Amino acid sequence: MKQPIYIFSDGKLKRRQNTLAFENADGKKKYVPVESTSEPMVPGLAIQY
Protein backbone atom coordinates (compact mmCIF):
# COMPACT_ATOMS: atom_id res chain seq x y z
CA MET A 1 0.00 0.00 0.00
CA LYS A 2 1.35 3.41 -0.97
CA GLN A 3 1.59 6.05 1.73
CA PRO A 4 2.37 9.77 1.61
CA ILE A 5 5.71 10.91 3.02
CA TYR A 6 6.01 14.11 5.04
CA ILE A 7 9.23 16.14 5.02
CA PHE A 8 9.32 18.85 7.69
CA SER A 9 13.07 19.60 7.54
CA ASP A 10 14.84 21.95 5.17
CA GLY A 11 17.10 20.24 2.65
CA LYS A 12 17.61 18.86 -0.84
CA LEU A 13 15.19 16.45 -2.53
CA LYS A 14 16.40 14.32 -5.45
CA ARG A 15 15.10 11.41 -7.46
CA ARG A 16 17.72 8.76 -8.00
CA GLN A 17 16.48 5.93 -10.24
CA ASN A 18 13.33 4.72 -8.42
CA THR A 19 14.21 6.27 -5.07
CA LEU A 20 13.57 9.67 -3.48
CA ALA A 21 16.73 10.89 -1.76
CA PHE A 22 16.41 13.64 0.85
CA GLU A 23 19.46 15.31 2.41
CA ASN A 24 18.84 17.65 5.33
CA ALA A 25 20.93 20.66 6.33
CA ASP A 26 23.12 18.50 8.62
CA GLY A 27 24.04 16.20 5.72
CA LYS A 28 21.94 13.21 6.84
CA LYS A 29 20.43 11.30 3.94
CA LYS A 30 17.13 9.41 3.86
CA TYR A 31 16.08 7.17 0.96
CA VAL A 32 12.46 6.22 0.21
CA PRO A 33 11.42 3.90 -2.64
CA VAL A 34 9.11 5.63 -5.15
CA GLU A 35 6.96 2.48 -5.43
CA SER A 36 5.87 2.80 -1.77
CA THR A 37 5.11 6.55 -1.95
CA SER A 38 1.77 7.99 -3.04
CA GLU A 39 2.83 11.64 -2.75
CA PRO A 40 5.53 13.72 -1.04
CA MET A 41 4.23 16.42 1.30
CA VAL A 42 6.87 19.13 1.83
CA PRO A 43 5.79 22.03 4.09
CA GLY A 44 9.46 22.91 4.77
CA LEU A 45 11.92 24.44 2.34
CA ALA A 46 13.17 21.77 -0.07
CA ILE A 47 15.34 22.40 -3.09
CA GLN A 48 14.60 19.95 -5.86
CA TYR A 49 17.47 18.80 -8.11
C-alpha atoms as a PDB file:
ATOM      1  CA  MET A   1       0.000   0.000   0.000  1.00  0.00           C
ATOM      2  CA  LYS A   2       1.347   3.408  -0.966  1.00  0.00           C
ATOM      3  CA  GLN A   3       1.589   6.052   1.727  1.00  0.00           C
ATOM      4  CA  PRO A   4       2.373   9.773   1.606  1.00  0.00           C
ATOM      5  CA  ILE A   5       5.707  10.913   3.024  1.00  0.00           C
ATOM      6  CA  TYR A   6       6.009  14.107   5.036  1.00  0.00           C
ATOM      7  CA  ILE A   7       9.227  16.136   5.020  1.00  0.00           C
ATOM      8  CA  PHE A   8       9.322  18.853   7.685  1.00  0.00           C
ATOM      9  CA  SER A   9      13.067  19.596   7.541  1.00  0.00           C
ATOM     10  CA  ASP A  10      14.837  21.955   5.170  1.00  0.00           C
ATOM     11  CA  GLY A  11      17.096  20.245   2.652  1.00  0.00           C
ATOM     12  CA  LYS A  12      17.610  18.859  -0.839  1.00  0.00           C
ATOM     13  CA  LEU A  13      15.190  16.455  -2.530  1.00  0.00           C
ATOM     14  CA  LYS A  14      16.405  14.323  -5.447  1.00  0.00           C
ATOM     15  CA  ARG A  15      15.103  11.415  -7.460  1.00  0.00           C
ATOM     16  CA  ARG A  16      17.724   8.759  -7.998  1.00  0.00           C
ATOM     17  CA  GLN A  17      16.484   5.934 -10.238  1.00  0.00           C
ATOM     18  CA  ASN A  18      13.332   4.723  -8.421  1.00  0.00           C
ATOM     19  CA  THR A  19      14.206   6.274  -5.065  1.00  0.00           C
ATOM     20  CA  LEU A  20      13.570   9.669  -3.477  1.00  0.00           C
ATOM     21  CA  ALA A  21      16.726  10.895  -1.764  1.00  0.00           C
ATOM     22  CA  PHE A  22      16.408  13.637   0.855  1.00  0.00           C
ATOM     23  CA  GLU A  23      19.463  15.309   2.408  1.00  0.00           C
ATOM     24  CA  ASN A  24      18.838  17.654   5.326  1.00  0.00           C
ATOM     25  CA  ALA A  25      20.935  20.663   6.326  1.00  0.00           C
ATOM     26  CA  ASP A  26      23.123  18.496   8.618  1.00  0.00           C
ATOM     27  CA  GLY A  27      24.042  16.197   5.722  1.00  0.00           C
ATOM     28  CA  LYS A  28      21.942  13.212   6.844  1.00  0.00           C
ATOM     29  CA  LYS A  29      20.425  11.301   3.936  1.00  0.00           C
ATOM     30  CA  LYS A  30      17.130   9.412   3.856  1.00  0.00           C
ATOM     31  CA  TYR A  31      16.079   7.168   0.965  1.00  0.00           C
ATOM     32  CA  VAL A  32      12.455   6.223   0.213  1.00  0.00           C
ATOM     33  CA  PRO A  33      11.415   3.905  -2.643  1.00  0.00           C
ATOM     34  CA  VAL A  34       9.106   5.631  -5.147  1.00  0.00           C
ATOM     35  CA  GLU A  35       6.960   2.484  -5.433  1.00  0.00           C
ATOM     36  CA  SER A  36       5.872   2.799  -1.773  1.00  0.00           C
ATOM     37  CA  THR A  37       5.106   6.547  -1.950  1.00  0.00           C
ATOM     38  CA  SER A  38       1.766   7.989  -3.043  1.00  0.00           C
ATOM     39  CA  GLU A  39       2.830  11.640  -2.750  1.00  0.00           C
ATOM     40  CA  PRO A  40       5.527  13.719  -1.036  1.00  0.00           C
ATOM     41  CA  MET A  41       4.227  16.420   1.302  1.00  0.00           C
ATOM     42  CA  VAL A  42       6.867  19.130   1.832  1.00  0.00           C
ATOM     43  CA  PRO A  43       5.787  22.029   4.088  1.00  0.00           C
ATOM     44  CA  GLY A  44       9.465  22.910   4.773  1.00  0.00           C
ATOM     45  CA  LEU A  45      11.924  24.437   2.341  1.00  0.00           C
ATOM     46  CA  ALA A  46      13.166  21.766  -0.071  1.00  0.00           C
ATOM     47  CA  ILE A  47      15.336  22.399  -3.087  1.00  0.00           C
ATOM     48  CA  GLN A  48      14.600  19.949  -5.861  1.00  0.00           C
ATOM     49  CA  TYR A  49      17.468  18.805  -8.106  1.00  0.00           C
END
